[in-house]
C-alpha cells in the first residue's frame, strides 16, 4: 500500500492505494492540528506507518513534519511526475481490462 497526499495551505486530500493502484480510502481535511491527528489515526488503520510510504509534492512543511514524526516514509515527487504516473496507471488498468475482456471472449461456451 501507499499514500498519495495532495497538500495545500487550506486543505489536504489523502488517498490510500493498494499495490495495484486501486483506491482503498480517500478523504480531505483542514490544515489544522486536529485534522492531522485524525488523519494519522486513520492511516494507522491501514497498517504500520513504516509500511505506508507517502508520496507528496513537497519536501518541507507541517504535513511532512507530522508524517516523519509518525514514522511514515515520505517520498517527495514533482507535481508533473505525479500526474504522469496517475495517467499511466489509468491507461494500464484500461489496457488490462480490455485484455481480460478479449481473453474471456476466447473461452469456450459451457
N, C-alpha and C. Protein backbone atom coordinates (compact mmCIF):
# COMPACT_ATOMS: atom_id res chain seq x y z
N UNK A 1 0.84 -1.18 0.00
CA UNK A 1 0.00 0.00 0.00
C UNK A 1 0.88 1.24 0.00
N UNK A 2 0.29 2.31 -0.50
CA UNK A 2 0.97 3.59 -0.42
C UNK A 2 -0.07 4.69 -0.35
N UNK A 3 0.41 5.87 0.04
CA UNK A 3 -0.46 7.01 0.26
C UNK A 3 -0.09 8.11 -0.73
N UNK A 4 -1.09 8.69 -1.34
CA UNK A 4 -0.91 9.90 -2.14
C UNK A 4 -1.47 11.06 -1.34
N UNK A 5 -0.68 12.11 -1.18
CA UNK A 5 -1.06 13.24 -0.34
C UNK A 5 -0.97 14.51 -1.17
N UNK A 6 -2.11 15.11 -1.47
CA UNK A 6 -2.16 16.37 -2.21
C UNK A 6 -2.31 17.48 -1.18
N UNK A 7 -1.24 18.19 -0.95
CA UNK A 7 -1.23 19.18 0.13
C UNK A 7 -1.55 20.57 -0.41
N UNK A 8 -2.04 21.41 0.49
CA UNK A 8 -2.32 22.81 0.19
C UNK A 8 -2.29 23.57 1.51
N UNK A 9 -2.35 24.88 1.43
CA UNK A 9 -2.32 25.66 2.66
C UNK A 9 -3.64 25.61 3.41
N UNK A 10 -4.75 25.32 2.72
CA UNK A 10 -6.05 25.27 3.37
C UNK A 10 -6.55 23.88 3.70
N UNK A 11 -6.52 23.00 2.70
CA UNK A 11 -6.98 21.62 2.90
C UNK A 11 -6.03 20.64 2.23
N UNK A 12 -6.06 19.42 2.70
CA UNK A 12 -5.25 18.34 2.15
C UNK A 12 -6.17 17.23 1.68
N UNK A 13 -5.81 16.57 0.58
CA UNK A 13 -6.52 15.39 0.10
C UNK A 13 -5.59 14.20 0.27
N UNK A 14 -6.09 13.14 0.88
CA UNK A 14 -5.30 11.95 1.14
C UNK A 14 -5.98 10.75 0.49
N UNK A 15 -5.19 9.95 -0.23
CA UNK A 15 -5.71 8.75 -0.87
C UNK A 15 -4.83 7.56 -0.50
N UNK A 16 -5.44 6.48 -0.06
CA UNK A 16 -4.74 5.24 0.24
C UNK A 16 -4.97 4.30 -0.93
N UNK A 17 -3.87 3.75 -1.48
CA UNK A 17 -3.97 2.84 -2.62
C UNK A 17 -3.25 1.53 -2.33
N UNK A 18 -3.77 0.46 -2.91
CA UNK A 18 -3.09 -0.82 -2.76
C UNK A 18 -1.96 -0.90 -3.79
N UNK A 19 -1.25 -2.01 -3.80
CA UNK A 19 -0.11 -2.17 -4.69
C UNK A 19 -0.44 -2.12 -6.16
N UNK A 20 -1.70 -2.37 -6.51
CA UNK A 20 -2.13 -2.31 -7.91
C UNK A 20 -2.64 -0.93 -8.30
N UNK A 21 -2.62 0.01 -7.35
CA UNK A 21 -3.10 1.36 -7.64
C UNK A 21 -4.59 1.54 -7.43
N UNK A 22 -5.25 0.56 -6.83
CA UNK A 22 -6.69 0.67 -6.56
C UNK A 22 -6.91 1.51 -5.30
N UNK A 23 -7.83 2.45 -5.39
CA UNK A 23 -8.12 3.31 -4.25
C UNK A 23 -8.84 2.52 -3.17
N UNK A 24 -8.29 2.58 -1.96
CA UNK A 24 -8.84 1.88 -0.81
C UNK A 24 -9.62 2.84 0.08
N UNK A 25 -9.11 4.07 0.19
CA UNK A 25 -9.71 5.07 1.08
C UNK A 25 -9.32 6.45 0.58
N UNK A 26 -10.19 7.43 0.83
CA UNK A 26 -9.88 8.80 0.42
C UNK A 26 -10.66 9.76 1.30
N UNK A 27 -10.00 10.87 1.67
CA UNK A 27 -10.65 11.91 2.46
C UNK A 27 -9.87 13.21 2.33
N UNK A 28 -10.48 14.27 2.80
CA UNK A 28 -9.78 15.55 2.86
C UNK A 28 -9.94 16.10 4.26
N UNK A 29 -9.02 16.99 4.63
CA UNK A 29 -9.10 17.59 5.96
C UNK A 29 -8.48 18.97 5.94
N UNK A 30 -8.91 19.78 6.89
CA UNK A 30 -8.40 21.15 7.00
C UNK A 30 -6.98 21.14 7.56
N UNK A 31 -6.19 22.11 7.14
CA UNK A 31 -4.80 22.25 7.57
C UNK A 31 -4.77 22.78 9.01
N UNK A 32 -5.15 21.90 9.94
CA UNK A 32 -5.18 22.24 11.37
C UNK A 32 -4.68 21.04 12.14
N UNK A 33 -4.21 21.26 13.35
CA UNK A 33 -3.66 20.17 14.16
C UNK A 33 -4.65 19.02 14.34
N UNK A 34 -5.91 19.34 14.58
CA UNK A 34 -6.92 18.30 14.76
C UNK A 34 -7.04 17.43 13.50
N UNK A 35 -6.99 18.06 12.34
CA UNK A 35 -7.07 17.32 11.09
C UNK A 35 -5.89 16.38 10.89
N UNK A 36 -4.69 16.85 11.26
CA UNK A 36 -3.51 15.99 11.15
C UNK A 36 -3.63 14.81 12.10
N UNK A 37 -4.06 15.06 13.32
CA UNK A 37 -4.19 13.98 14.31
C UNK A 37 -5.18 12.92 13.83
N UNK A 38 -6.33 13.34 13.34
CA UNK A 38 -7.34 12.39 12.86
C UNK A 38 -6.84 11.64 11.63
N UNK A 39 -6.12 12.33 10.76
CA UNK A 39 -5.60 11.68 9.55
C UNK A 39 -4.55 10.64 9.90
N UNK A 40 -3.64 10.95 10.80
CA UNK A 40 -2.62 9.97 11.19
C UNK A 40 -3.27 8.76 11.85
N UNK A 41 -4.32 8.97 12.64
CA UNK A 41 -5.04 7.85 13.25
C UNK A 41 -5.72 7.01 12.17
N UNK A 42 -6.30 7.65 11.19
CA UNK A 42 -6.98 6.93 10.10
C UNK A 42 -5.98 6.13 9.28
N UNK A 43 -4.80 6.70 9.05
CA UNK A 43 -3.77 5.98 8.31
C UNK A 43 -3.33 4.73 9.06
N UNK A 44 -3.26 4.81 10.40
CA UNK A 44 -2.84 3.65 11.19
C UNK A 44 -3.79 2.46 11.02
N UNK A 45 -5.04 2.73 10.66
CA UNK A 45 -6.00 1.64 10.41
C UNK A 45 -5.62 0.83 9.18
N UNK A 46 -4.77 1.40 8.32
CA UNK A 46 -4.36 0.73 7.09
C UNK A 46 -3.02 0.01 7.23
N UNK A 47 -2.36 0.16 8.37
CA UNK A 47 -1.09 -0.52 8.57
C UNK A 47 -0.13 0.31 9.40
N UNK A 48 1.01 -0.29 9.67
CA UNK A 48 2.06 0.39 10.43
C UNK A 48 2.62 1.54 9.60
N UNK A 49 2.88 2.68 10.24
CA UNK A 49 3.40 3.83 9.48
C UNK A 49 4.64 3.50 8.64
N UNK A 50 5.53 2.69 9.18
CA UNK A 50 6.76 2.36 8.44
C UNK A 50 6.46 1.61 7.14
N UNK A 51 5.27 0.98 7.06
CA UNK A 51 4.88 0.22 5.87
C UNK A 51 3.99 1.01 4.93
N UNK A 52 3.74 2.28 5.24
CA UNK A 52 2.86 3.12 4.42
C UNK A 52 3.60 4.36 3.92
N UNK A 53 4.35 4.23 2.83
CA UNK A 53 5.04 5.41 2.30
C UNK A 53 4.05 6.43 1.76
N UNK A 54 4.41 7.69 1.90
CA UNK A 54 3.54 8.78 1.48
C UNK A 54 4.22 9.57 0.36
N UNK A 55 3.58 9.62 -0.80
CA UNK A 55 4.05 10.45 -1.92
C UNK A 55 3.39 11.82 -1.77
N UNK A 56 4.22 12.85 -1.73
CA UNK A 56 3.72 14.21 -1.52
C UNK A 56 4.57 15.18 -2.35
N UNK A 57 3.95 16.25 -2.80
CA UNK A 57 4.61 17.18 -3.72
C UNK A 57 5.40 18.28 -3.01
N UNK A 58 5.98 17.96 -1.87
CA UNK A 58 6.81 18.93 -1.16
C UNK A 58 7.83 18.19 -0.30
N UNK A 59 8.85 18.90 0.13
CA UNK A 59 9.87 18.31 0.99
C UNK A 59 9.88 18.94 2.37
N UNK A 60 8.98 19.89 2.62
CA UNK A 60 9.00 20.58 3.91
C UNK A 60 7.59 21.00 4.31
N UNK A 61 7.48 21.48 5.52
CA UNK A 61 6.19 21.98 5.99
C UNK A 61 5.58 21.08 7.06
N UNK A 62 4.46 21.53 7.58
CA UNK A 62 3.79 20.82 8.68
C UNK A 62 3.40 19.39 8.29
N UNK A 63 2.89 19.19 7.09
CA UNK A 63 2.48 17.84 6.67
C UNK A 63 3.67 16.89 6.69
N UNK A 64 4.78 17.29 6.10
CA UNK A 64 5.97 16.43 6.07
C UNK A 64 6.49 16.20 7.48
N UNK A 65 6.52 17.25 8.31
CA UNK A 65 6.98 17.10 9.70
C UNK A 65 6.13 16.08 10.45
N UNK A 66 4.81 16.18 10.33
CA UNK A 66 3.91 15.26 11.05
C UNK A 66 4.06 13.83 10.54
N UNK A 67 4.18 13.67 9.23
CA UNK A 67 4.33 12.33 8.66
C UNK A 67 5.63 11.67 9.12
N UNK A 68 6.72 12.40 9.07
CA UNK A 68 8.00 11.85 9.51
C UNK A 68 7.98 11.52 11.00
N UNK A 69 7.40 12.41 11.80
CA UNK A 69 7.33 12.17 13.25
C UNK A 69 6.50 10.92 13.56
N UNK A 70 5.50 10.64 12.73
CA UNK A 70 4.65 9.46 12.93
C UNK A 70 5.32 8.18 12.42
N UNK A 71 6.42 8.30 11.68
CA UNK A 71 7.15 7.13 11.20
C UNK A 71 6.89 6.74 9.76
N UNK A 72 6.18 7.59 9.01
CA UNK A 72 5.91 7.29 7.60
C UNK A 72 7.12 7.65 6.74
N UNK A 73 7.52 6.77 5.82
CA UNK A 73 8.50 7.18 4.82
C UNK A 73 7.83 8.23 3.93
N UNK A 74 8.52 9.32 3.69
CA UNK A 74 7.99 10.40 2.85
C UNK A 74 8.76 10.42 1.54
N UNK A 75 8.04 10.34 0.44
CA UNK A 75 8.64 10.32 -0.89
C UNK A 75 8.20 11.57 -1.62
N UNK A 76 9.09 12.58 -1.69
CA UNK A 76 8.71 13.79 -2.42
C UNK A 76 8.67 13.51 -3.92
N UNK A 77 7.64 14.01 -4.57
CA UNK A 77 7.51 13.83 -6.02
C UNK A 77 7.25 15.19 -6.66
N UNK A 78 7.73 15.33 -7.87
CA UNK A 78 7.44 16.55 -8.62
C UNK A 78 6.00 16.48 -9.10
N UNK A 79 5.28 17.59 -9.07
CA UNK A 79 3.87 17.56 -9.49
C UNK A 79 3.67 16.94 -10.87
N UNK A 80 4.51 17.26 -11.82
CA UNK A 80 4.35 16.71 -13.17
C UNK A 80 4.55 15.20 -13.19
N UNK A 81 5.49 14.71 -12.39
CA UNK A 81 5.73 13.27 -12.34
C UNK A 81 4.53 12.56 -11.73
N UNK A 82 3.95 13.13 -10.70
CA UNK A 82 2.79 12.52 -10.04
C UNK A 82 1.63 12.40 -11.02
N UNK A 83 1.36 13.47 -11.77
CA UNK A 83 0.25 13.44 -12.72
C UNK A 83 0.53 12.47 -13.87
N UNK A 84 1.79 12.36 -14.29
CA UNK A 84 2.14 11.41 -15.36
C UNK A 84 1.94 9.98 -14.90
N UNK A 85 2.32 9.68 -13.66
CA UNK A 85 2.15 8.33 -13.12
C UNK A 85 0.68 7.99 -13.02
N UNK A 86 -0.11 8.93 -12.53
CA UNK A 86 -1.55 8.71 -12.39
C UNK A 86 -2.18 8.41 -13.75
N UNK A 87 -1.80 9.17 -14.77
CA UNK A 87 -2.34 8.95 -16.11
C UNK A 87 -1.89 7.59 -16.65
N UNK A 88 -0.63 7.24 -16.42
CA UNK A 88 -0.11 5.96 -16.91
C UNK A 88 -0.83 4.80 -16.23
N UNK A 89 -1.06 4.89 -14.92
CA UNK A 89 -1.78 3.83 -14.22
C UNK A 89 -3.17 3.65 -14.80
N UNK A 90 -3.82 4.74 -15.09
CA UNK A 90 -5.16 4.67 -15.68
C UNK A 90 -5.14 3.98 -17.03
N UNK A 91 -4.14 4.30 -17.86
CA UNK A 91 -4.03 3.65 -19.17
C UNK A 91 -3.74 2.16 -19.02
N UNK A 92 -2.85 1.81 -18.09
CA UNK A 92 -2.52 0.40 -17.90
C UNK A 92 -3.72 -0.38 -17.41
N UNK A 93 -4.47 0.18 -16.47
CA UNK A 93 -5.66 -0.51 -15.97
C UNK A 93 -6.68 -0.68 -17.09
N UNK A 94 -6.81 0.32 -17.94
CA UNK A 94 -7.74 0.24 -19.06
C UNK A 94 -7.30 -0.85 -20.03
N UNK A 95 -6.00 -0.89 -20.34
CA UNK A 95 -5.48 -1.91 -21.25
C UNK A 95 -5.66 -3.30 -20.66
N UNK A 96 -5.43 -3.43 -19.35
CA UNK A 96 -5.57 -4.72 -18.70
C UNK A 96 -7.03 -5.18 -18.76
N UNK A 97 -7.96 -4.27 -18.58
CA UNK A 97 -9.38 -4.60 -18.67
C UNK A 97 -9.76 -5.06 -20.06
N UNK A 98 -9.23 -4.39 -21.09
CA UNK A 98 -9.51 -4.80 -22.47
C UNK A 98 -8.91 -6.18 -22.74
N UNK A 99 -7.71 -6.44 -22.20
CA UNK A 99 -7.06 -7.73 -22.41
C UNK A 99 -7.90 -8.84 -21.76
N UNK A 100 -8.38 -8.62 -20.53
CA UNK A 100 -9.20 -9.62 -19.86
C UNK A 100 -10.50 -9.85 -20.63
N UNK A 101 -11.08 -8.79 -21.16
CA UNK A 101 -12.31 -8.91 -21.92
C UNK A 101 -12.06 -9.76 -23.17
N UNK A 102 -10.93 -9.51 -23.85
CA UNK A 102 -10.58 -10.28 -25.05
C UNK A 102 -10.37 -11.75 -24.70
N UNK A 103 -9.66 -12.02 -23.59
CA UNK A 103 -9.40 -13.40 -23.20
C UNK A 103 -10.70 -14.11 -22.83
N UNK A 104 -11.62 -13.41 -22.23
CA UNK A 104 -12.90 -14.01 -21.86
C UNK A 104 -13.69 -14.42 -23.09
N UNK A 105 -13.63 -13.62 -24.14
CA UNK A 105 -14.35 -13.96 -25.38
C UNK A 105 -13.81 -15.23 -26.01
N UNK A 106 -12.53 -15.55 -25.77
CA UNK A 106 -11.94 -16.74 -26.37
C UNK A 106 -12.29 -18.02 -25.61
N UNK A 107 -12.86 -17.90 -24.42
CA UNK A 107 -13.19 -19.09 -23.65
C UNK A 107 -14.35 -19.83 -24.30
N UNK A 108 -14.30 -21.16 -24.30
CA UNK A 108 -15.41 -21.92 -24.90
C UNK A 108 -16.67 -21.78 -24.05
N UNK A 109 -17.80 -21.83 -24.71
CA UNK A 109 -19.08 -21.75 -24.00
C UNK A 109 -19.34 -23.08 -23.33
N UNK A 110 -20.04 -23.06 -22.20
CA UNK A 110 -20.35 -24.30 -21.46
C UNK A 110 -21.73 -24.76 -21.78
